């Protein structure tokens, strides 16, 4: 992701110096006259509290930062000023005149986002920046993307590259889906078989699951050591991206059960799952299994400082619990009348455990069905209904509906498109998404934390394919999450995107050009 000023400037031949091609579109843009020109002796003045923004600009502009206190001509100055009149801690003011550039952030994050906008203002053919005043802040606090290394493992370097791409478009959360039926991807030192056994499947389904065309006969594996994850988290933190780990339970559990059969319901010796789709093999509800999973999560506390831990909770077939004498005895012991109430009990135990450690549970919208405390945050994926119900019950909500934010769906109907799971979510549909559903009261609407895009990887076997499915749809979602609705314009977005795509191309990103949509 590191590149020189010359490389970046050379790629922006489609833009004119007068255009303000910032993505996401800022809240307020007031163009000026003229431009500021970066020279070899231009001073990069960085306040101590704005170190991340200073490092970003120093690396991209090939300027050496200093801490000179007084504003002067021929300078780019970055400061953190909590008194900046912007209604968000992530907001900033960027002012460019012919004599100097000033970025003032409400916080270090705000200064960093101001620096990202400044880089997007660079004009082609030379180091000039159009004169402008921008006042900017995000609409939502949760602006994220989910990667799924459980189905197809993503090397650490690719995760770091993806974090840079998120930060470039002011997204601030990376959701890592670390465990599923097809692979356990996180080292747990207390339970080494989770990766010794659970991280490797012997083969993978070829083509769509519903077509049943056979298997590739090739082992697939990989996992992140705890040191890998510490590096990922630290790298993300420097770019104001929070990493949210997901440990799936009580469903999507076969990789763990393959490693430790006592976690299952049947006693059957299982292999790591080689197919896709919803799997009947789920965790049992014995106390030892609940404690096992709490031990797993507790080992992650020092790596992921929070404030959230995702525990899944989705797509849990209840058949094995219905047939299990142990599960039925557990229900009777707890005074529960149905297996869905048992699911709710399981989730509440995890919620109470996380709450006792000062953390918050996140789960997919199925966690509402068995009853969960209002402290839980609900991620609404089956359309918007779950998010609406959750907000009305007092839960915080992340809107992630498959109809708008599932980027494993096809983005075009051309026969040349690579295999995808199905569905159709084109770029324009992503852009038209509003994370706040109609019909919510103002108080309920405030429960909507934001949105994120999902990159389920069953049919994304390579990092290049992940990028192709993500961009530019994830760029459109970044603008949905940041820009106020009255400031949005799809046609203007496409104009700015044409320039942004040149940035992606310069950074080696495999994206689907918007002109092909």
Protein backbone atom coordinates (compact mmCIF):
# COMPACT_ATOMS: atom_id res chain seq x y z
CA UNK A 1 0.00 0.00 0.00
CA UNK A 2 3.01 2.32 0.32
CA UNK A 3 3.57 4.37 -2.80
CA UNK A 4 5.35 7.54 -3.85
CA UNK A 5 3.85 10.88 -4.68
CA UNK A 6 4.97 10.49 -8.28
CA UNK A 7 3.16 7.18 -8.72
CA UNK A 8 -0.06 8.50 -7.24
CA UNK A 9 0.01 11.71 -9.25
CA UNK A 10 0.72 9.89 -12.49
CA UNK A 11 -2.42 7.82 -12.10
CA UNK A 12 -4.83 10.73 -11.79
CA UNK A 13 -4.81 11.86 -15.42
CA UNK A 14 -8.62 11.78 -15.56
CA UNK A 15 -9.07 14.55 -13.00
CA UNK A 16 -8.78 18.32 -13.34
CA UNK A 17 -7.27 20.50 -10.65
CA UNK A 18 -10.62 22.16 -10.04
CA UNK A 19 -12.47 18.92 -9.21
CA UNK A 20 -12.97 17.79 -5.65
CA UNK A 21 -12.89 14.02 -6.04
CA UNK A 22 -13.08 12.90 -2.42
CA UNK A 23 -14.72 9.59 -1.48
CA UNK A 24 -16.73 9.39 0.73
CA UNK A 25 -18.26 12.70 -0.27
CA UNK A 26 -17.63 15.26 2.50
CA UNK A 27 -20.45 16.96 4.38
CA UNK A 28 -19.47 20.47 3.29
CA UNK A 29 -17.20 21.48 0.40
CA UNK A 30 -16.51 25.12 -0.47
CA UNK A 31 -14.15 25.37 -3.46
CA UNK A 32 -11.68 28.27 -3.62
CA UNK A 33 -9.55 29.86 -6.30
CA UNK A 34 -6.13 28.57 -7.26
CA UNK A 35 -4.10 25.76 -5.81
CA UNK A 36 -1.39 24.97 -3.29
CA UNK A 37 1.75 23.51 -4.87
CA UNK A 38 3.88 20.98 -3.01
CA UNK A 39 7.60 21.74 -3.44
CA UNK A 40 10.71 19.92 -2.35
CA UNK A 41 11.06 22.36 0.54
CA UNK A 42 7.40 22.29 1.65
CA UNK A 43 7.21 21.85 5.42
CA UNK A 44 5.07 19.06 6.87
CA UNK A 45 4.24 20.32 10.36
CA UNK A 46 2.69 17.63 12.57
CA UNK A 47 1.42 18.20 16.09
CA UNK A 48 2.46 15.40 18.49
CA UNK A 49 -1.16 14.25 18.89
CA UNK A 50 -1.56 13.86 15.11
CA UNK A 51 1.20 11.34 14.61
CA UNK A 52 -0.76 8.83 12.53
CA UNK A 53 -1.88 11.48 10.05
CA UNK A 54 1.66 12.82 9.87
CA UNK A 55 3.12 9.39 9.15
CA UNK A 56 0.53 8.82 6.41
CA UNK A 57 1.33 12.08 4.63
CA UNK A 58 5.07 11.74 5.12
CA UNK A 59 5.06 8.33 3.46
CA UNK A 60 2.83 9.38 0.56
CA UNK A 61 4.24 12.86 -0.08
CA UNK A 62 7.91 12.06 0.58
CA UNK A 63 8.11 14.95 3.05
CA UNK A 64 9.92 14.89 6.37
CA UNK A 65 7.61 15.83 9.28
CA UNK A 66 8.59 18.43 11.83
CA UNK A 67 6.95 19.91 14.93
CA UNK A 68 7.36 23.61 14.15
CA UNK A 69 4.90 25.53 16.29
CA UNK A 70 4.11 28.55 14.13
CA UNK A 71 2.07 28.43 10.95
CA UNK A 72 4.03 29.53 7.91
CA UNK A 73 3.74 29.69 4.16
CA UNK A 74 4.63 26.70 2.00
CA UNK A 75 3.53 24.29 4.71
CA UNK A 76 1.09 21.48 5.39
CA UNK A 77 0.05 21.61 9.02
CA UNK A 78 -1.82 18.86 10.91
CA UNK A 79 -3.20 19.38 14.40
CA UNK A 80 -5.67 17.85 16.82
CA UNK A 81 -8.07 20.39 18.25
CA UNK A 82 -11.02 19.06 20.31
CA UNK A 83 -12.65 22.49 20.10
CA UNK A 84 -13.22 22.16 16.35
CA UNK A 85 -16.95 22.74 15.87
CA UNK A 86 -17.75 19.38 14.26
CA UNK A 87 -20.43 17.05 15.72
CA UNK A 88 -18.22 13.95 15.80
CA UNK A 89 -14.96 12.86 17.36
CA UNK A 90 -14.02 11.57 13.90
CA UNK A 91 -14.60 14.92 12.20
CA UNK A 92 -12.09 17.30 10.68
CA UNK A 93 -11.66 20.62 8.92
CA UNK A 94 -9.39 20.75 5.88
CA UNK A 95 -8.48 24.16 4.51
CA UNK A 96 -6.29 24.64 1.43
CA UNK A 97 -5.13 28.07 0.31
CA UNK A 98 -2.47 28.96 -2.22
CA UNK A 99 -0.07 29.62 0.68
CA UNK A 100 -0.65 26.71 3.06
CA UNK A 101 -2.68 23.63 3.94
CA UNK A 102 -4.18 23.01 7.36
CA UNK A 103 -5.87 19.87 8.68
CA UNK A 104 -7.53 20.12 12.08
CA UNK A 105 -9.08 17.01 13.56
CA UNK A 106 -11.45 16.75 16.48
CA UNK A 107 -9.29 13.79 17.52
CA UNK A 108 -6.32 11.90 16.14
CA UNK A 109 -8.79 9.87 14.06
CA UNK A 110 -10.29 13.06 12.65
CA UNK A 111 -6.86 14.35 11.69
CA UNK A 112 -6.13 11.02 9.99
CA UNK A 113 -9.34 11.18 7.94
CA UNK A 114 -8.51 14.75 6.98
CA UNK A 115 -5.13 13.53 5.74
CA UNK A 116 -6.84 10.80 3.69
CA UNK A 117 -9.05 13.44 2.06
CA UNK A 118 -6.01 15.61 1.37
CA UNK A 119 -4.35 12.76 -0.51
CA UNK A 120 -7.43 12.40 -2.69
CA UNK A 121 -7.25 16.08 -3.62
CA UNK A 122 -3.86 15.77 -5.29
CA UNK A 123 -4.10 16.90 -8.91
CA UNK A 124 -2.57 15.12 -11.92
CA UNK A 125 0.79 15.96 -13.41
CA UNK A 126 2.27 17.67 -10.38
CA UNK A 127 2.00 18.22 -6.66
CA UNK A 128 -0.87 20.69 -6.62
CA UNK A 129 -3.94 20.67 -4.39
CA UNK A 130 -7.01 22.75 -5.30
CA UNK A 131 -7.96 25.46 -2.85
CA UNK A 132 -10.94 24.35 -0.83
CA UNK A 133 -12.47 24.31 2.62
CA UNK A 134 -13.96 21.00 3.78
CA UNK A 135 -15.85 20.39 6.99
CA UNK A 136 -16.54 16.73 7.39
CA UNK A 137 -17.68 14.02 9.78
CA UNK A 138 -19.31 10.57 9.49
CA UNK A 139 -23.01 9.83 9.58
CA UNK A 140 -22.45 6.53 11.45
CA UNK A 141 -19.89 5.32 13.97
CA UNK A 142 -19.87 1.71 12.63
CA UNK A 143 -18.47 1.61 9.08
CA UNK A 144 -17.19 -1.85 8.42
CA UNK A 145 -16.48 -4.89 6.31
CA UNK A 146 -16.45 -8.58 7.13
CA UNK A 147 -13.77 -10.94 5.82
CA UNK A 148 -14.33 -14.70 5.95
CA UNK A 149 -11.00 -16.55 6.19
CA UNK A 150 -12.81 -19.58 7.63
CA UNK A 151 -14.01 -20.85 4.24
CA UNK A 152 -10.93 -19.80 2.27
CA UNK A 153 -7.95 -18.69 4.30
CA UNK A 154 -6.53 -15.22 3.66
CA UNK A 155 -2.80 -14.72 4.34
CA UNK A 156 -1.89 -12.08 6.89
CA UNK A 157 -0.37 -9.79 4.24
CA UNK A 158 -3.69 -9.70 2.39
CA UNK A 159 -5.55 -8.79 5.57
CA UNK A 160 -3.13 -5.91 6.15
CA UNK A 161 -3.64 -4.69 2.59
CA UNK A 162 -7.40 -4.83 3.08
CA UNK A 163 -7.09 -2.74 6.26
CA UNK A 164 -5.26 -0.05 4.26
CA UNK A 165 -8.07 -0.06 1.72
CA UNK A 166 -10.67 0.33 4.46
CA UNK A 167 -8.79 3.23 6.02
CA UNK A 168 -8.39 4.95 2.65
CA UNK A 169 -12.18 5.25 2.39
CA UNK A 170 -12.65 6.11 6.09
CA UNK A 171 -14.08 2.76 7.18
CA UNK A 172 -13.25 1.93 10.77
CA UNK A 173 -14.12 -1.71 11.48
CA UNK A 174 -12.84 -5.06 10.23
CA UNK A 175 -15.00 -8.03 11.21
CA UNK A 176 -13.00 -11.29 11.00
CA UNK A 177 -15.14 -14.44 10.73
CA UNK A 178 -12.50 -16.71 12.26
CA UNK A 179 -14.32 -20.02 12.72
CA UNK A 180 -16.86 -22.08 10.83
CA UNK A 181 -17.63 -25.65 9.78
CA UNK A 182 -14.93 -25.54 7.11
CA UNK A 183 -12.05 -24.25 9.21
CA UNK A 184 -10.87 -22.94 12.58
CA UNK A 185 -8.47 -20.07 11.90
CA UNK A 186 -7.32 -18.76 15.29
CA UNK A 187 -4.66 -20.26 17.56
CA UNK A 188 -5.98 -21.17 21.02
CA UNK A 189 -3.07 -22.36 23.13
CA UNK A 190 -5.25 -24.06 25.72
CA UNK A 191 -6.88 -26.19 23.01
CA UNK A 192 -4.21 -26.86 20.35
CA UNK A 193 -6.28 -29.40 18.39
CA UNK A 194 -8.56 -26.56 17.26
CA UNK A 195 -5.84 -25.63 14.77
CA UNK A 196 -3.95 -28.92 14.57
CA UNK A 197 -7.11 -30.63 13.36
CA UNK A 198 -9.74 -27.95 12.82
CA UNK A 199 -7.76 -25.67 10.50
CA UNK A 200 -7.36 -28.25 7.69
CA UNK A 201 -10.06 -29.77 5.51
CA UNK A 202 -9.09 -32.58 3.19
CA UNK A 203 -10.86 -31.14 0.12
CA UNK A 204 -13.37 -28.56 -1.04
CA UNK A 205 -16.63 -28.70 -2.93
CA UNK A 206 -16.29 -27.89 -6.65
CA UNK A 207 -18.84 -25.46 -8.07
CA UNK A 208 -22.11 -24.60 -6.40
CA UNK A 209 -23.17 -26.74 -3.45
CA UNK A 210 -26.59 -27.34 -4.98
CA UNK A 211 -24.99 -28.75 -8.13
CA UNK A 212 -23.03 -31.43 -6.23
CA UNK A 213 -20.30 -31.69 -8.87
CA UNK A 214 -17.77 -33.34 -6.54
CA UNK A 215 -14.63 -32.18 -4.75
CA UNK A 216 -11.21 -30.87 -5.75
CA UNK A 217 -9.22 -33.46 -3.76
CA UNK A 218 -6.83 -30.78 -2.42
CA UNK A 219 -6.26 -30.08 1.30
CA UNK A 220 -7.00 -26.49 2.35
CA UNK A 221 -5.68 -25.02 5.57
CA UNK A 222 -4.17 -22.11 7.43
CA UNK A 223 -4.66 -20.18 10.63
CA UNK A 224 -3.50 -17.03 12.37
CA UNK A 225 -1.17 -17.39 15.31
CA UNK A 226 -1.87 -15.14 18.25
CA UNK A 227 1.19 -13.11 17.25
CA UNK A 228 -0.28 -12.74 13.75
CA UNK A 229 -3.49 -11.40 15.23
CA UNK A 230 -1.64 -9.01 17.52
CA UNK A 231 0.15 -7.65 14.46
CA UNK A 232 -3.12 -7.30 12.54
CA UNK A 233 -4.80 -5.53 15.46
CA UNK A 234 -1.86 -3.15 15.95
CA UNK A 235 -1.68 -2.39 12.23
CA UNK A 236 -5.40 -1.67 12.18
CA UNK A 237 -5.23 0.47 15.32
CA UNK A 238 -2.64 2.73 13.66
CA UNK A 239 -5.21 3.31 10.92
CA UNK A 240 -8.18 3.75 13.28
CA UNK A 241 -9.71 0.42 12.33
CA UNK A 242 -11.11 -1.78 15.11
CA UNK A 243 -10.82 -5.54 14.56
CA UNK A 244 -13.92 -7.49 15.62
CA UNK A 245 -13.33 -11.25 16.07
CA UNK A 246 -16.15 -13.71 15.50
CA UNK A 247 -16.16 -17.16 17.12
CA UNK A 248 -19.24 -18.95 15.77
CA UNK A 249 -21.58 -20.72 18.19
CA UNK A 250 -23.65 -22.76 18.75
CA UNK A 251 -23.90 -23.53 15.01
CA UNK A 252 -21.29 -23.53 12.25
CA UNK A 253 -19.24 -25.66 14.65
CA UNK A 254 -18.05 -28.77 12.81
CA UNK A 255 -14.37 -27.79 12.58
CA UNK A 256 -14.27 -27.47 16.39
CA UNK A 257 -16.21 -30.69 16.90
CA UNK A 258 -13.81 -32.49 14.56
CA UNK A 259 -11.01 -31.44 16.90
CA UNK A 260 -12.88 -32.16 20.15
CA UNK A 261 -15.75 -34.64 19.55
CA UNK A 262 -17.08 -34.18 23.09
CA UNK A 263 -18.32 -30.73 22.01
CA UNK A 264 -20.91 -32.31 19.71
CA UNK A 265 -24.24 -33.99 20.35
CA UNK A 266 -23.87 -37.44 18.78
CA UNK A 267 -20.42 -38.71 19.75
CA UNK A 268 -19.74 -39.28 16.05
CA UNK A 269 -16.17 -38.69 14.90
CA UNK A 270 -16.38 -35.93 12.31
CA UNK A 271 -14.00 -34.44 9.78
CA UNK A 272 -13.71 -30.74 9.06
CA UNK A 273 -16.65 -29.99 6.76
CA UNK A 274 -15.84 -30.02 3.03
CA UNK A 275 -19.17 -28.70 1.77
CA UNK A 276 -21.01 -25.39 2.00
CA UNK A 277 -24.39 -24.50 3.44
CA UNK A 278 -26.15 -24.91 6.78
CA UNK A 279 -24.77 -27.84 8.78
CA UNK A 280 -26.73 -29.95 11.28
CA UNK A 281 -23.69 -30.52 13.55
CA UNK A 282 -23.86 -27.94 16.33
CA UNK A 283 -22.34 -27.56 19.78
CA UNK A 284 -24.07 -29.30 22.64
CA UNK A 285 -25.33 -27.30 25.61
CA UNK A 286 -23.46 -29.15 28.33
CA UNK A 287 -21.82 -26.98 30.94
CA UNK A 288 -18.36 -28.21 29.95
CA UNK A 289 -18.93 -27.05 26.37
CA UNK A 290 -20.11 -23.62 27.47
CA UNK A 291 -17.03 -23.30 29.67
CA UNK A 292 -14.81 -24.52 26.81
CA UNK A 293 -16.09 -21.76 24.55
CA UNK A 294 -15.78 -19.16 27.28
CA UNK A 295 -12.16 -20.25 27.75
CA UNK A 296 -11.60 -19.81 24.02
CA UNK A 297 -13.01 -16.30 24.08
CA UNK A 298 -11.11 -15.38 27.24
CA UNK A 299 -7.82 -16.27 25.55
CA UNK A 300 -8.63 -13.65 22.92
CA UNK A 301 -9.25 -10.82 25.38
CA UNK A 302 -5.60 -9.61 25.46
CA UNK A 303 -5.42 -9.69 21.65
CA UNK A 304 -8.69 -7.91 20.81
CA UNK A 305 -9.15 -5.05 23.27
CA UNK A 306 -12.80 -4.60 22.35
CA UNK A 307 -15.29 -3.27 23.01
CA UNK A 308 -17.15 -6.02 21.07
CA UNK A 309 -16.88 -9.79 20.57
CA UNK A 310 -19.05 -11.48 17.91
CA UNK A 311 -20.40 -14.95 18.77
CA UNK A 312 -22.41 -15.68 15.61
CA UNK A 313 -25.66 -17.31 16.72
CA UNK A 314 -27.03 -17.76 13.19
CA UNK A 315 -28.29 -20.77 11.23
CA UNK A 316 -28.58 -23.25 14.11
CA UNK A 317 -30.57 -26.37 13.17
CA UNK A 318 -32.30 -27.65 16.31
CA UNK A 319 -32.63 -31.29 15.24
CA UNK A 320 -29.71 -32.64 17.25
CA UNK A 321 -30.91 -30.91 20.42
CA UNK A 322 -34.38 -32.36 19.88
CA UNK A 323 -32.90 -35.86 19.57
CA UNK A 324 -30.32 -35.51 22.36
CA UNK A 325 -31.28 -36.87 25.81
CA UNK A 326 -28.62 -34.59 27.30
CA UNK A 327 -30.06 -31.50 25.63
CA UNK A 328 -33.60 -32.46 26.67
CA UNK A 329 -32.44 -33.00 30.24
CA UNK A 330 -30.76 -29.61 30.16
CA UNK A 331 -33.99 -27.99 29.01
CA UNK A 332 -35.90 -29.65 31.82
CA UNK A 333 -33.29 -28.61 34.37
CA UNK A 334 -33.54 -24.99 33.21
CA UNK A 335 -37.33 -24.99 32.95
CA UNK A 336 -37.27 -24.30 29.22
CA UNK A 337 -40.13 -25.29 26.94
CA UNK A 338 -38.47 -25.35 23.52
CA UNK A 339 -35.13 -25.74 21.80
CA UNK A 340 -35.22 -22.13 20.62
CA UNK A 341 -35.35 -21.11 24.28
CA UNK A 342 -32.29 -23.31 24.79
CA UNK A 343 -30.57 -21.36 22.02
CA UNK A 344 -31.47 -18.17 23.86
CA UNK A 345 -30.05 -19.57 27.10
CA UNK A 346 -26.77 -20.40 25.32
CA UNK A 347 -26.46 -16.87 23.92
CA UNK A 348 -27.36 -15.25 27.26
CA UNK A 349 -24.62 -17.23 29.00
CA UNK A 350 -22.10 -15.80 26.57
CA UNK A 351 -23.57 -12.32 26.93
CA UNK A 352 -23.31 -12.49 30.72
CA UNK A 353 -19.74 -13.76 30.45
CA UNK A 354 -18.68 -10.94 28.16
CA UNK A 355 -20.51 -8.34 30.22
CA UNK A 356 -18.67 -9.53 33.33
CA UNK A 357 -15.42 -8.69 31.53
CA UNK A 358 -16.58 -5.25 30.42
CA UNK A 359 -17.24 -6.32 26.83
CA UNK A 360 -20.31 -6.42 24.60
CA UNK A 361 -21.75 -9.29 22.62
CA UNK A 362 -22.59 -9.00 18.94
CA UNK A 363 -24.69 -11.65 17.20
CA UNK A 364 -26.57 -12.19 13.97
CA UNK A 365 -30.29 -11.43 14.16
CA UNK A 366 -31.28 -15.00 15.09
CA UNK A 367 -30.20 -14.22 18.65
CA UNK A 368 -33.47 -12.33 19.06
CA UNK A 369 -35.55 -15.48 18.64
CA UNK A 370 -34.61 -17.14 21.92
CA UNK A 371 -34.54 -13.96 23.95
CA UNK A 372 -31.41 -11.94 24.68
CA UNK A 373 -30.63 -9.06 27.02
CA UNK A 374 -30.77 -5.51 25.61
CA UNK A 375 -27.01 -5.24 26.17
CA UNK A 376 -26.45 -7.43 23.10
CA UNK A 377 -25.84 -5.76 19.75
CA UNK A 378 -27.78 -7.26 16.85
CA UNK A 379 -26.36 -7.58 13.35
CA UNK A 380 -29.35 -7.70 11.00
CA UNK A 381 -28.62 -9.84 7.94
CA UNK A 382 -31.97 -11.36 6.90
CA UNK A 383 -33.18 -8.11 5.43
CA UNK A 384 -34.04 -5.23 7.75
CA UNK A 385 -36.76 -6.85 9.87
CA UNK A 386 -34.37 -8.11 12.53
CA UNK A 387 -32.80 -4.68 12.86
CA UNK A 388 -36.17 -2.99 13.20
CA UNK A 389 -37.30 -5.47 15.86
CA UNK A 390 -34.00 -5.14 17.72
CA UNK A 391 -34.08 -1.33 17.73
CA UNK A 392 -37.63 -1.38 19.05
CA UNK A 393 -36.54 -3.70 21.87
CA UNK A 394 -33.72 -1.36 22.87
CA UNK A 395 -30.77 -3.12 21.22
CA UNK A 396 -27.99 -1.39 19.35
CA UNK A 397 -28.06 -2.52 15.73
CA UNK A 398 -25.65 -2.94 12.83
CA UNK A 399 -27.49 -3.11 9.53
CA UNK A 400 -25.99 -5.82 7.29
CA UNK A 401 -28.93 -6.98 5.13
CA UNK A 402 -28.15 -9.53 2.46
CA UNK A 403 -30.27 -7.53 0.02
CA UNK A 404 -27.77 -4.63 0.03
CA UNK A 405 -24.52 -5.63 1.76
CA UNK A 406 -23.77 -9.24 0.77
CA UNK A 407 -20.89 -8.88 -1.64
CA UNK A 408 -20.70 -12.62 -2.27
CA UNK A 409 -23.75 -12.01 -4.48
CA UNK A 410 -23.34 -11.29 -8.18
CA UNK A 411 -22.67 -7.67 -9.04
CA UNK A 412 -23.58 -8.04 -12.72
CA UNK A 413 -25.54 -10.45 -14.87
CA UNK A 414 -22.85 -10.89 -17.52
CA UNK A 415 -21.99 -14.55 -18.25
CA UNK A 416 -18.31 -13.70 -17.83
CA UNK A 417 -18.72 -12.97 -14.13
CA UNK A 418 -16.93 -15.44 -11.83
CA UNK A 419 -18.96 -17.98 -9.90
CA UNK A 420 -20.85 -16.54 -6.93
CA UNK A 421 -23.31 -17.96 -4.42
CA UNK A 422 -26.27 -16.36 -6.22
CA UNK A 423 -28.36 -13.24 -5.68
CA UNK A 424 -27.79 -9.87 -7.33
CA UNK A 425 -26.44 -6.75 -5.61
CA UNK A 426 -25.17 -4.26 -8.22
CA UNK A 427 -23.25 -1.11 -7.38
CA UNK A 428 -26.22 1.24 -7.70
CA UNK A 429 -28.28 -0.86 -5.29
CA UNK A 430 -25.53 -0.69 -2.67
CA UNK A 431 -25.38 3.08 -3.06
CA UNK A 432 -29.13 3.54 -2.61
CA UNK A 433 -29.13 1.67 0.72
CA UNK A 434 -30.17 3.64 3.81
CA UNK A 435 -29.15 1.87 7.03
CA UNK A 436 -31.96 3.57 8.97
CA UNK A 437 -35.20 1.77 8.07
CA UNK A 438 -38.34 3.83 7.66
CA UNK A 439 -40.86 3.66 10.46
CA UNK A 440 -38.44 3.92 13.38
CA UNK A 441 -38.94 6.65 15.95
CA UNK A 442 -36.05 9.10 16.44
CA UNK A 443 -35.03 7.24 19.60
CA UNK A 444 -35.14 3.89 17.81
CA UNK A 445 -33.21 5.30 14.85
CA UNK A 446 -30.40 6.31 17.19
CA UNK A 447 -29.93 2.61 17.93
CA UNK A 448 -28.61 2.08 14.39
CA UNK A 449 -24.83 2.14 14.85
CA UNK A 450 -24.11 1.82 11.15
CA UNK A 451 -23.51 -0.78 8.49
CA UNK A 452 -20.95 -3.16 7.02
CA UNK A 453 -20.35 -5.22 3.87
CA UNK A 454 -20.09 -9.03 3.99
CA UNK A 455 -17.54 -11.02 1.96
CA UNK A 456 -18.50 -14.64 2.62
CA UNK A 457 -15.77 -16.60 0.87
CA UNK A 458 -17.26 -19.96 -0.17
CA UNK A 459 -16.83 -18.90 -3.80
CA UNK A 460 -13.85 -16.56 -3.30
CA UNK A 461 -10.87 -18.94 -3.31
CA UNK A 462 -8.20 -16.26 -3.77
CA UNK A 463 -7.43 -12.79 -2.35
CA UNK A 464 -7.80 -11.36 -5.85
CA UNK A 465 -11.34 -12.70 -6.02
CA UNK A 466 -12.15 -11.16 -2.62
CA UNK A 467 -10.98 -7.78 -3.91
CA UNK A 468 -12.99 -8.16 -7.12
CA UNK A 469 -16.18 -8.83 -5.19
CA UNK A 470 -15.47 -6.07 -2.67
CA UNK A 471 -14.55 -3.12 -4.87
CA UNK A 472 -16.09 -0.81 -5.80
CA UNK A 473 -19.23 -1.99 -3.96
CA UNK A 474 -17.50 -1.54 -0.62
CA UNK A 475 -16.51 1.97 -1.73
CA UNK A 476 -20.17 2.75 -2.37
CA UNK A 477 -21.04 1.43 1.08
CA UNK A 478 -18.32 3.62 2.59
CA UNK A 479 -20.15 6.65 1.21
CA UNK A 480 -23.48 5.28 2.51
CA UNK A 481 -21.96 5.01 5.99
CA UNK A 482 -20.26 8.42 5.97
CA UNK A 483 -22.18 10.92 3.86
CA UNK A 484 -25.51 12.54 4.87
CA UNK A 485 -28.37 11.46 2.61
CA UNK A 486 -29.00 15.00 1.18
CA UNK A 487 -25.36 15.18 0.01
CA UNK A 488 -25.47 11.84 -1.83
CA UNK A 489 -25.70 11.63 -5.62
CA UNK A 490 -25.07 8.42 -7.52
CA UNK A 491 -24.04 10.22 -10.70
CA UNK A 492 -21.59 12.40 -8.80
CA UNK A 493 -20.32 9.29 -7.01
CA UNK A 494 -19.61 7.65 -10.38
CA UNK A 495 -17.69 10.74 -11.49
CA UNK A 496 -15.51 10.67 -8.39
CA UNK A 497 -15.24 6.88 -8.54
CA UNK A 498 -13.60 7.08 -11.98
CA UNK A 499 -10.70 8.89 -10.32
CA UNK A 500 -10.77 6.68 -7.22
CA UNK A 501 -10.48 3.57 -9.40
CA UNK A 502 -7.15 4.90 -10.65
CA UNK A 503 -5.98 4.97 -7.05
CA UNK A 504 -7.09 1.35 -6.65
CA UNK A 505 -5.30 0.40 -9.86
CA UNK A 506 -2.09 2.07 -8.69
CA UNK A 507 -2.29 0.11 -5.45
CA UNK A 508 -2.65 -3.23 -7.22
CA UNK A 509 -6.28 -3.85 -6.30
CA UNK A 510 -8.27 -6.28 -8.45
CA UNK A 511 -11.56 -4.38 -8.74
CA UNK A 512 -14.52 -4.52 -11.11
CA UNK A 513 -14.62 -1.25 -13.05
CA UNK A 514 -17.85 0.69 -12.56
CA UNK A 515 -18.01 1.27 -16.32
CA UNK A 516 -18.69 -2.47 -16.69
CA UNK A 517 -21.73 -2.37 -14.39
